[in-house]
N, C-alpha and C. Protein backbone atom coordinates (compact mmCIF):
# COMPACT_ATOMS: atom_id res chain seq x y z
N UNK A 1 -81.77 56.77 25.90
CA UNK A 1 -80.57 56.90 25.15
C UNK A 1 -80.89 56.90 23.68
N UNK A 2 -80.00 57.55 23.08
CA UNK A 2 -80.27 57.71 21.65
C UNK A 2 -79.65 56.56 20.89
N UNK A 3 -80.17 56.37 19.75
CA UNK A 3 -79.70 55.25 18.92
C UNK A 3 -78.26 55.48 18.48
N UNK A 4 -77.82 56.67 18.41
CA UNK A 4 -76.45 56.95 18.03
C UNK A 4 -75.49 56.45 19.11
N UNK A 5 -75.88 56.63 20.35
CA UNK A 5 -75.03 56.17 21.45
C UNK A 5 -74.98 54.65 21.42
N UNK A 6 -76.14 54.06 21.14
CA UNK A 6 -76.15 52.59 21.06
C UNK A 6 -75.29 52.09 19.88
N UNK A 7 -75.30 52.79 18.85
CA UNK A 7 -74.48 52.41 17.69
C UNK A 7 -73.00 52.56 18.05
N UNK A 8 -72.65 53.64 18.70
CA UNK A 8 -71.25 53.87 19.10
C UNK A 8 -70.82 52.78 20.08
N UNK A 9 -71.71 52.45 21.04
CA UNK A 9 -71.38 51.40 22.01
C UNK A 9 -71.23 50.07 21.29
N UNK A 10 -72.12 49.79 20.35
CA UNK A 10 -72.06 48.53 19.60
C UNK A 10 -70.78 48.46 18.77
N UNK A 11 -70.40 49.58 18.18
CA UNK A 11 -69.17 49.62 17.38
C UNK A 11 -67.97 49.41 18.30
N UNK A 12 -67.97 50.05 19.45
CA UNK A 12 -66.86 49.90 20.40
C UNK A 12 -66.79 48.45 20.86
N UNK A 13 -67.93 47.85 21.19
CA UNK A 13 -67.95 46.46 21.63
C UNK A 13 -67.46 45.55 20.50
N UNK A 14 -67.92 45.84 19.29
CA UNK A 14 -67.50 45.03 18.15
C UNK A 14 -65.99 45.15 17.94
N UNK A 15 -65.47 46.36 18.05
CA UNK A 15 -64.02 46.58 17.90
C UNK A 15 -63.27 45.84 19.00
N UNK A 16 -63.78 45.89 20.24
CA UNK A 16 -63.15 45.19 21.35
C UNK A 16 -63.19 43.68 21.14
N UNK A 17 -64.34 43.19 20.67
CA UNK A 17 -64.47 41.75 20.40
C UNK A 17 -63.49 41.34 19.29
N UNK A 18 -63.47 42.15 18.24
CA UNK A 18 -62.53 41.84 17.13
C UNK A 18 -61.09 41.90 17.62
N UNK A 19 -60.74 42.90 18.42
CA UNK A 19 -59.39 43.02 18.97
C UNK A 19 -59.08 41.82 19.85
N UNK A 20 -60.05 41.40 20.67
CA UNK A 20 -59.85 40.22 21.54
C UNK A 20 -59.64 38.98 20.69
N UNK A 21 -60.43 38.84 19.63
CA UNK A 21 -60.26 37.69 18.72
C UNK A 21 -58.88 37.71 18.05
N UNK A 22 -58.46 38.87 17.65
CA UNK A 22 -57.13 39.00 17.02
C UNK A 22 -56.04 38.64 18.02
N UNK A 23 -56.15 39.14 19.24
CA UNK A 23 -55.15 38.83 20.28
C UNK A 23 -55.15 37.33 20.57
N UNK A 24 -56.35 36.75 20.69
CA UNK A 24 -56.44 35.31 20.96
C UNK A 24 -55.86 34.51 19.80
N UNK A 25 -56.15 34.89 18.58
CA UNK A 25 -55.62 34.19 17.40
C UNK A 25 -54.11 34.32 17.33
N UNK A 26 -53.61 35.50 17.65
CA UNK A 26 -52.16 35.73 17.64
C UNK A 26 -51.48 34.86 18.69
N UNK A 27 -52.07 34.81 19.91
CA UNK A 27 -51.50 33.98 20.97
C UNK A 27 -51.54 32.50 20.57
N UNK A 28 -52.66 32.08 19.97
CA UNK A 28 -52.78 30.69 19.54
C UNK A 28 -51.74 30.37 18.46
N UNK A 29 -51.56 31.26 17.53
CA UNK A 29 -50.55 31.07 16.47
C UNK A 29 -49.16 31.01 17.07
N UNK A 30 -48.89 31.90 18.03
CA UNK A 30 -47.57 31.90 18.69
C UNK A 30 -47.33 30.59 19.43
N UNK A 31 -48.35 30.11 20.18
CA UNK A 31 -48.22 28.84 20.91
C UNK A 31 -48.01 27.67 19.93
N UNK A 32 -48.78 27.68 18.83
CA UNK A 32 -48.64 26.62 17.84
C UNK A 32 -47.24 26.64 17.23
N UNK A 33 -46.72 27.82 16.95
CA UNK A 33 -45.37 27.94 16.39
C UNK A 33 -44.32 27.50 17.41
N UNK A 34 -44.54 27.84 18.69
CA UNK A 34 -43.60 27.39 19.72
C UNK A 34 -43.59 25.87 19.81
N UNK A 35 -44.79 25.25 19.81
CA UNK A 35 -44.86 23.78 19.84
C UNK A 35 -44.20 23.18 18.60
N UNK A 36 -44.45 23.79 17.45
CA UNK A 36 -43.85 23.30 16.21
C UNK A 36 -42.32 23.43 16.26
N UNK A 37 -41.83 24.56 16.77
CA UNK A 37 -40.39 24.77 16.90
C UNK A 37 -39.79 23.75 17.86
N UNK A 38 -40.48 23.48 18.98
CA UNK A 38 -40.00 22.49 19.95
C UNK A 38 -39.96 21.10 19.32
N UNK A 39 -40.97 20.76 18.53
CA UNK A 39 -41.00 19.47 17.85
C UNK A 39 -39.83 19.37 16.86
N UNK A 40 -39.59 20.43 16.12
CA UNK A 40 -38.46 20.44 15.17
C UNK A 40 -37.14 20.29 15.92
N UNK A 41 -37.01 20.94 17.08
CA UNK A 41 -35.79 20.81 17.87
C UNK A 41 -35.59 19.37 18.35
N UNK A 42 -36.67 18.73 18.80
CA UNK A 42 -36.58 17.33 19.24
C UNK A 42 -36.15 16.43 18.08
N UNK A 43 -36.76 16.64 16.91
CA UNK A 43 -36.38 15.85 15.74
C UNK A 43 -34.92 16.10 15.36
N UNK A 44 -34.49 17.35 15.50
CA UNK A 44 -33.11 17.69 15.20
C UNK A 44 -32.15 17.02 16.18
N UNK A 45 -32.56 16.92 17.46
CA UNK A 45 -31.71 16.23 18.45
C UNK A 45 -31.56 14.76 18.08
N UNK A 46 -32.68 14.12 17.70
CA UNK A 46 -32.63 12.71 17.29
C UNK A 46 -31.75 12.57 16.05
N UNK A 47 -31.95 13.43 15.08
CA UNK A 47 -31.15 13.39 13.85
C UNK A 47 -29.69 13.69 14.16
N UNK A 48 -29.45 14.57 15.12
CA UNK A 48 -28.08 14.91 15.50
C UNK A 48 -27.34 13.71 16.05
N UNK A 49 -28.02 12.92 16.88
CA UNK A 49 -27.35 11.73 17.42
C UNK A 49 -27.07 10.73 16.29
N UNK A 50 -27.99 10.62 15.31
CA UNK A 50 -27.73 9.74 14.17
C UNK A 50 -26.55 10.24 13.36
N UNK A 51 -26.47 11.55 13.17
CA UNK A 51 -25.35 12.14 12.43
C UNK A 51 -24.04 11.90 13.16
N UNK A 52 -24.06 12.04 14.49
CA UNK A 52 -22.85 11.79 15.28
C UNK A 52 -22.40 10.34 15.15
N UNK A 53 -23.37 9.40 15.15
CA UNK A 53 -23.01 7.98 14.96
C UNK A 53 -22.42 7.77 13.57
N UNK A 54 -23.03 8.40 12.57
CA UNK A 54 -22.49 8.28 11.21
C UNK A 54 -21.09 8.86 11.13
N UNK A 55 -20.88 9.99 11.78
CA UNK A 55 -19.56 10.61 11.77
C UNK A 55 -18.54 9.71 12.46
N UNK A 56 -18.94 9.11 13.57
CA UNK A 56 -18.04 8.19 14.28
C UNK A 56 -17.71 7.00 13.38
N UNK A 57 -18.71 6.47 12.68
CA UNK A 57 -18.48 5.36 11.76
C UNK A 57 -17.55 5.80 10.62
N UNK A 58 -17.77 7.00 10.10
CA UNK A 58 -16.91 7.52 9.04
C UNK A 58 -15.48 7.68 9.53
N UNK A 59 -15.32 8.21 10.75
CA UNK A 59 -13.98 8.37 11.32
C UNK A 59 -13.30 7.02 11.51
N UNK A 60 -14.06 6.05 12.01
CA UNK A 60 -13.51 4.71 12.23
C UNK A 60 -13.10 4.08 10.89
N UNK A 61 -13.96 4.22 9.90
CA UNK A 61 -13.65 3.66 8.58
C UNK A 61 -12.43 4.34 7.98
N UNK A 62 -12.32 5.65 8.14
CA UNK A 62 -11.15 6.37 7.63
C UNK A 62 -9.88 5.90 8.35
N UNK A 63 -9.97 5.66 9.64
CA UNK A 63 -8.81 5.17 10.39
C UNK A 63 -8.41 3.78 9.89
N UNK A 64 -9.40 2.91 9.65
CA UNK A 64 -9.10 1.58 9.11
C UNK A 64 -8.46 1.69 7.73
N UNK A 65 -8.96 2.62 6.93
CA UNK A 65 -8.40 2.81 5.59
C UNK A 65 -6.95 3.28 5.68
N UNK A 66 -6.67 4.19 6.62
CA UNK A 66 -5.29 4.65 6.80
C UNK A 66 -4.40 3.51 7.26
N UNK A 67 -4.91 2.69 8.16
CA UNK A 67 -4.12 1.55 8.65
C UNK A 67 -3.87 0.56 7.51
N UNK A 68 -4.90 0.29 6.71
CA UNK A 68 -4.74 -0.63 5.58
C UNK A 68 -3.75 -0.06 4.57
N UNK A 69 -3.80 1.25 4.35
CA UNK A 69 -2.87 1.89 3.42
C UNK A 69 -1.44 1.77 3.95
N UNK A 70 -1.27 2.01 5.24
CA UNK A 70 0.06 1.90 5.84
C UNK A 70 0.56 0.46 5.74
N UNK A 71 -0.33 -0.49 5.99
CA UNK A 71 0.05 -1.90 5.89
C UNK A 71 0.42 -2.25 4.45
N UNK A 72 -0.34 -1.74 3.50
CA UNK A 72 -0.04 -2.01 2.09
C UNK A 72 1.31 -1.41 1.70
N UNK A 73 1.57 -0.21 2.20
CA UNK A 73 2.86 0.42 1.91
C UNK A 73 4.00 -0.37 2.54
N UNK A 74 3.78 -0.87 3.75
CA UNK A 74 4.81 -1.68 4.41
C UNK A 74 5.04 -2.98 3.63
N UNK A 75 3.94 -3.59 3.18
CA UNK A 75 4.08 -4.83 2.41
C UNK A 75 4.77 -4.56 1.07
N UNK A 76 4.46 -3.43 0.45
CA UNK A 76 5.11 -3.08 -0.81
C UNK A 76 6.61 -2.87 -0.59
N UNK A 77 6.96 -2.22 0.52
CA UNK A 77 8.37 -2.03 0.84
C UNK A 77 9.05 -3.37 1.09
N UNK A 78 8.36 -4.26 1.81
CA UNK A 78 8.90 -5.59 2.07
C UNK A 78 9.07 -6.36 0.76
N UNK A 79 8.10 -6.25 -0.14
CA UNK A 79 8.18 -6.93 -1.43
C UNK A 79 9.37 -6.39 -2.23
N UNK A 80 9.55 -5.09 -2.22
CA UNK A 80 10.68 -4.50 -2.94
C UNK A 80 12.01 -4.98 -2.34
N UNK A 81 12.05 -5.03 -1.01
CA UNK A 81 13.28 -5.51 -0.35
C UNK A 81 13.55 -6.96 -0.71
N UNK A 82 12.51 -7.78 -0.71
CA UNK A 82 12.68 -9.19 -1.06
C UNK A 82 13.07 -9.36 -2.52
N UNK A 83 12.54 -8.51 -3.40
CA UNK A 83 12.93 -8.58 -4.80
C UNK A 83 14.40 -8.23 -4.97
N UNK A 84 14.84 -7.21 -4.25
CA UNK A 84 16.26 -6.85 -4.29
C UNK A 84 17.12 -8.00 -3.78
N UNK A 85 16.66 -8.61 -2.69
CA UNK A 85 17.39 -9.73 -2.11
C UNK A 85 17.44 -10.91 -3.08
N UNK A 86 16.31 -11.20 -3.75
CA UNK A 86 16.27 -12.29 -4.73
C UNK A 86 17.21 -12.00 -5.89
N UNK A 87 17.22 -10.74 -6.35
CA UNK A 87 18.11 -10.36 -7.44
C UNK A 87 19.57 -10.54 -7.01
N UNK A 88 19.86 -10.19 -5.77
CA UNK A 88 21.22 -10.36 -5.25
C UNK A 88 21.60 -11.84 -5.20
N UNK A 89 20.64 -12.67 -4.73
CA UNK A 89 20.90 -14.12 -4.69
C UNK A 89 21.09 -14.67 -6.10
N UNK A 90 20.29 -14.19 -7.05
CA UNK A 90 20.42 -14.64 -8.44
C UNK A 90 21.81 -14.28 -8.97
N UNK A 91 22.22 -13.07 -8.68
CA UNK A 91 23.54 -12.61 -9.14
C UNK A 91 24.65 -13.45 -8.50
N UNK A 92 24.51 -13.70 -7.19
CA UNK A 92 25.50 -14.53 -6.49
C UNK A 92 25.53 -15.94 -7.07
N UNK A 93 24.36 -16.48 -7.35
CA UNK A 93 24.29 -17.84 -7.91
C UNK A 93 24.93 -17.87 -9.30
N UNK A 94 24.67 -16.86 -10.11
CA UNK A 94 25.27 -16.81 -11.45
C UNK A 94 26.78 -16.70 -11.36
N UNK A 95 27.26 -15.88 -10.44
CA UNK A 95 28.71 -15.74 -10.24
C UNK A 95 29.31 -17.07 -9.78
N UNK A 96 28.64 -17.72 -8.83
CA UNK A 96 29.13 -19.02 -8.34
C UNK A 96 29.13 -20.05 -9.46
N UNK A 97 28.08 -20.04 -10.28
CA UNK A 97 28.00 -20.97 -11.39
C UNK A 97 29.16 -20.74 -12.37
N UNK A 98 29.46 -19.48 -12.65
CA UNK A 98 30.58 -19.15 -13.55
C UNK A 98 31.90 -19.62 -12.95
N UNK A 99 32.05 -19.42 -11.63
CA UNK A 99 33.29 -19.86 -10.97
C UNK A 99 33.42 -21.38 -11.04
N UNK A 100 32.32 -22.10 -10.86
CA UNK A 100 32.35 -23.56 -10.97
C UNK A 100 32.73 -23.99 -12.38
N UNK A 101 32.14 -23.33 -13.36
CA UNK A 101 32.48 -23.65 -14.75
C UNK A 101 33.96 -23.40 -15.00
N UNK A 102 34.47 -22.30 -14.45
CA UNK A 102 35.90 -22.01 -14.60
C UNK A 102 36.74 -23.11 -13.94
N UNK A 103 36.31 -23.58 -12.76
CA UNK A 103 37.04 -24.65 -12.08
C UNK A 103 37.01 -25.93 -12.91
N UNK A 104 35.85 -26.26 -13.47
CA UNK A 104 35.76 -27.45 -14.30
C UNK A 104 36.65 -27.32 -15.54
N UNK A 105 36.64 -26.15 -16.16
CA UNK A 105 37.51 -25.96 -17.34
C UNK A 105 38.98 -26.07 -16.95
N UNK A 106 39.34 -25.49 -15.83
CA UNK A 106 40.72 -25.55 -15.37
C UNK A 106 41.12 -27.01 -15.09
N UNK A 107 40.19 -27.73 -14.40
CA UNK A 107 40.46 -29.14 -14.12
C UNK A 107 40.57 -29.93 -15.41
N UNK A 108 39.73 -29.61 -16.40
CA UNK A 108 39.77 -30.31 -17.68
C UNK A 108 41.09 -30.03 -18.40
N UNK A 109 41.60 -28.79 -18.28
CA UNK A 109 42.88 -28.45 -18.94
C UNK A 109 44.04 -29.20 -18.27
N UNK A 110 43.91 -29.37 -16.94
CA UNK A 110 45.00 -30.03 -16.22
C UNK A 110 44.95 -31.55 -16.35
N UNK A 111 43.77 -32.12 -16.55
CA UNK A 111 43.61 -33.57 -16.58
C UNK A 111 44.11 -34.13 -17.90
N UNK A 112 45.14 -34.99 -17.84
CA UNK A 112 45.67 -35.55 -19.09
C UNK A 112 44.71 -36.56 -19.73
N UNK A 113 43.72 -37.04 -18.98
CA UNK A 113 42.79 -38.00 -19.54
C UNK A 113 41.61 -37.36 -20.27
N UNK A 114 41.49 -36.04 -20.19
CA UNK A 114 40.41 -35.35 -20.89
C UNK A 114 40.96 -34.85 -22.21
N UNK A 115 40.26 -35.25 -23.29
CA UNK A 115 40.73 -34.82 -24.61
C UNK A 115 40.50 -33.34 -24.79
N UNK A 116 41.12 -32.79 -25.75
CA UNK A 116 41.02 -31.36 -26.03
C UNK A 116 39.58 -30.97 -26.31
N UNK A 117 39.36 -29.69 -26.31
CA UNK A 117 38.03 -29.12 -26.49
C UNK A 117 37.46 -29.51 -27.84
N UNK A 118 36.19 -29.88 -27.83
CA UNK A 118 35.48 -30.21 -29.05
C UNK A 118 35.31 -28.93 -29.86
N UNK A 119 35.66 -28.97 -31.12
CA UNK A 119 35.63 -27.78 -31.95
C UNK A 119 34.20 -27.24 -32.13
N UNK A 120 33.20 -28.12 -32.16
CA UNK A 120 31.82 -27.69 -32.43
C UNK A 120 31.17 -27.06 -31.20
N UNK A 121 31.31 -27.71 -30.05
CA UNK A 121 30.58 -27.25 -28.87
C UNK A 121 31.39 -26.39 -27.93
N UNK A 122 32.69 -26.44 -28.00
CA UNK A 122 33.52 -25.68 -27.08
C UNK A 122 33.65 -26.38 -25.75
N UNK A 123 33.11 -27.61 -25.62
CA UNK A 123 33.17 -28.38 -24.38
C UNK A 123 34.34 -29.35 -24.46
N UNK A 124 34.91 -29.63 -23.31
CA UNK A 124 35.98 -30.62 -23.26
C UNK A 124 35.36 -32.01 -23.31
N UNK A 125 35.98 -32.89 -23.99
CA UNK A 125 35.49 -34.26 -24.07
C UNK A 125 35.97 -35.00 -22.85
N UNK A 126 35.05 -35.69 -22.17
CA UNK A 126 35.41 -36.40 -20.95
C UNK A 126 35.58 -37.89 -21.22
N UNK A 127 35.70 -38.22 -22.46
CA UNK A 127 35.93 -39.63 -22.77
C UNK A 127 37.38 -39.94 -22.45
N UNK A 128 37.62 -41.12 -21.97
CA UNK A 128 39.00 -41.45 -21.60
C UNK A 128 39.90 -41.51 -22.83
N UNK A 129 41.10 -41.14 -22.56
CA UNK A 129 42.08 -41.30 -23.62
C UNK A 129 42.28 -42.78 -23.84
N UNK A 130 42.77 -43.15 -24.97
CA UNK A 130 42.90 -44.57 -25.33
C UNK A 130 43.82 -45.31 -24.39
N UNK A 131 44.73 -44.63 -23.75
CA UNK A 131 45.71 -45.33 -22.94
C UNK A 131 45.30 -45.57 -21.50
N UNK A 132 44.32 -44.77 -20.91
CA UNK A 132 44.04 -44.94 -19.48
C UNK A 132 42.55 -44.75 -19.21
N UNK A 133 41.74 -45.78 -19.34
CA UNK A 133 40.29 -45.69 -19.18
C UNK A 133 39.87 -45.72 -17.73
N UNK A 134 40.68 -46.20 -16.82
CA UNK A 134 40.29 -46.36 -15.43
C UNK A 134 40.49 -45.11 -14.59
N UNK A 135 41.30 -44.19 -15.01
CA UNK A 135 41.58 -43.02 -14.18
C UNK A 135 40.71 -41.81 -14.54
N UNK A 136 39.68 -42.01 -15.29
CA UNK A 136 38.83 -40.90 -15.71
C UNK A 136 37.91 -40.50 -14.56
N UNK A 137 37.82 -39.22 -14.31
CA UNK A 137 36.93 -38.73 -13.26
C UNK A 137 35.49 -38.81 -13.75
N UNK A 138 34.54 -38.88 -12.84
CA UNK A 138 33.14 -38.92 -13.26
C UNK A 138 32.78 -37.62 -13.98
N UNK A 139 31.79 -37.75 -14.83
CA UNK A 139 31.34 -36.59 -15.61
C UNK A 139 30.77 -35.54 -14.67
N UNK A 140 31.09 -34.27 -14.88
CA UNK A 140 30.62 -33.21 -14.02
C UNK A 140 29.10 -33.04 -14.16
N UNK A 141 28.46 -32.57 -13.11
CA UNK A 141 26.99 -32.41 -13.16
C UNK A 141 26.60 -31.33 -14.17
N UNK A 142 25.47 -31.54 -14.77
CA UNK A 142 24.96 -30.56 -15.73
C UNK A 142 24.51 -29.32 -14.98
N UNK A 143 24.75 -28.16 -15.56
CA UNK A 143 24.31 -26.92 -14.93
C UNK A 143 23.08 -26.44 -15.66
N UNK A 144 22.20 -25.81 -14.94
CA UNK A 144 20.96 -25.40 -15.57
C UNK A 144 20.73 -24.01 -15.34
């Protein structure tokens, strides 16, 4: 055989060896990438369960916040209602106090033992008249 044939055979063998090496390297790269992709998927599954737990915690916290907000709004409404009620009681008490003062003034006008109104204070004097010290009614309670 001639050296040219041997060279052609050697080149063909070399090309086949190189092609086989390329195919083997490509397969190895593909397998490595598949393993790497599978590893990333496993890590993503683990991370996904952590994310789901975080989301559940976030949802639970948001629900608690909504409940607390609703409770705060209910308490604010209750406070407003109680303030209105207190204002109504204050008004009723002031009206009752005025009515009592009117009754005391009326009683003072009718009582012959109560001297006329003091010019300085506008209050009736509850000191007994000089003629009848025993029939004087007790002094009315102070109002505050």
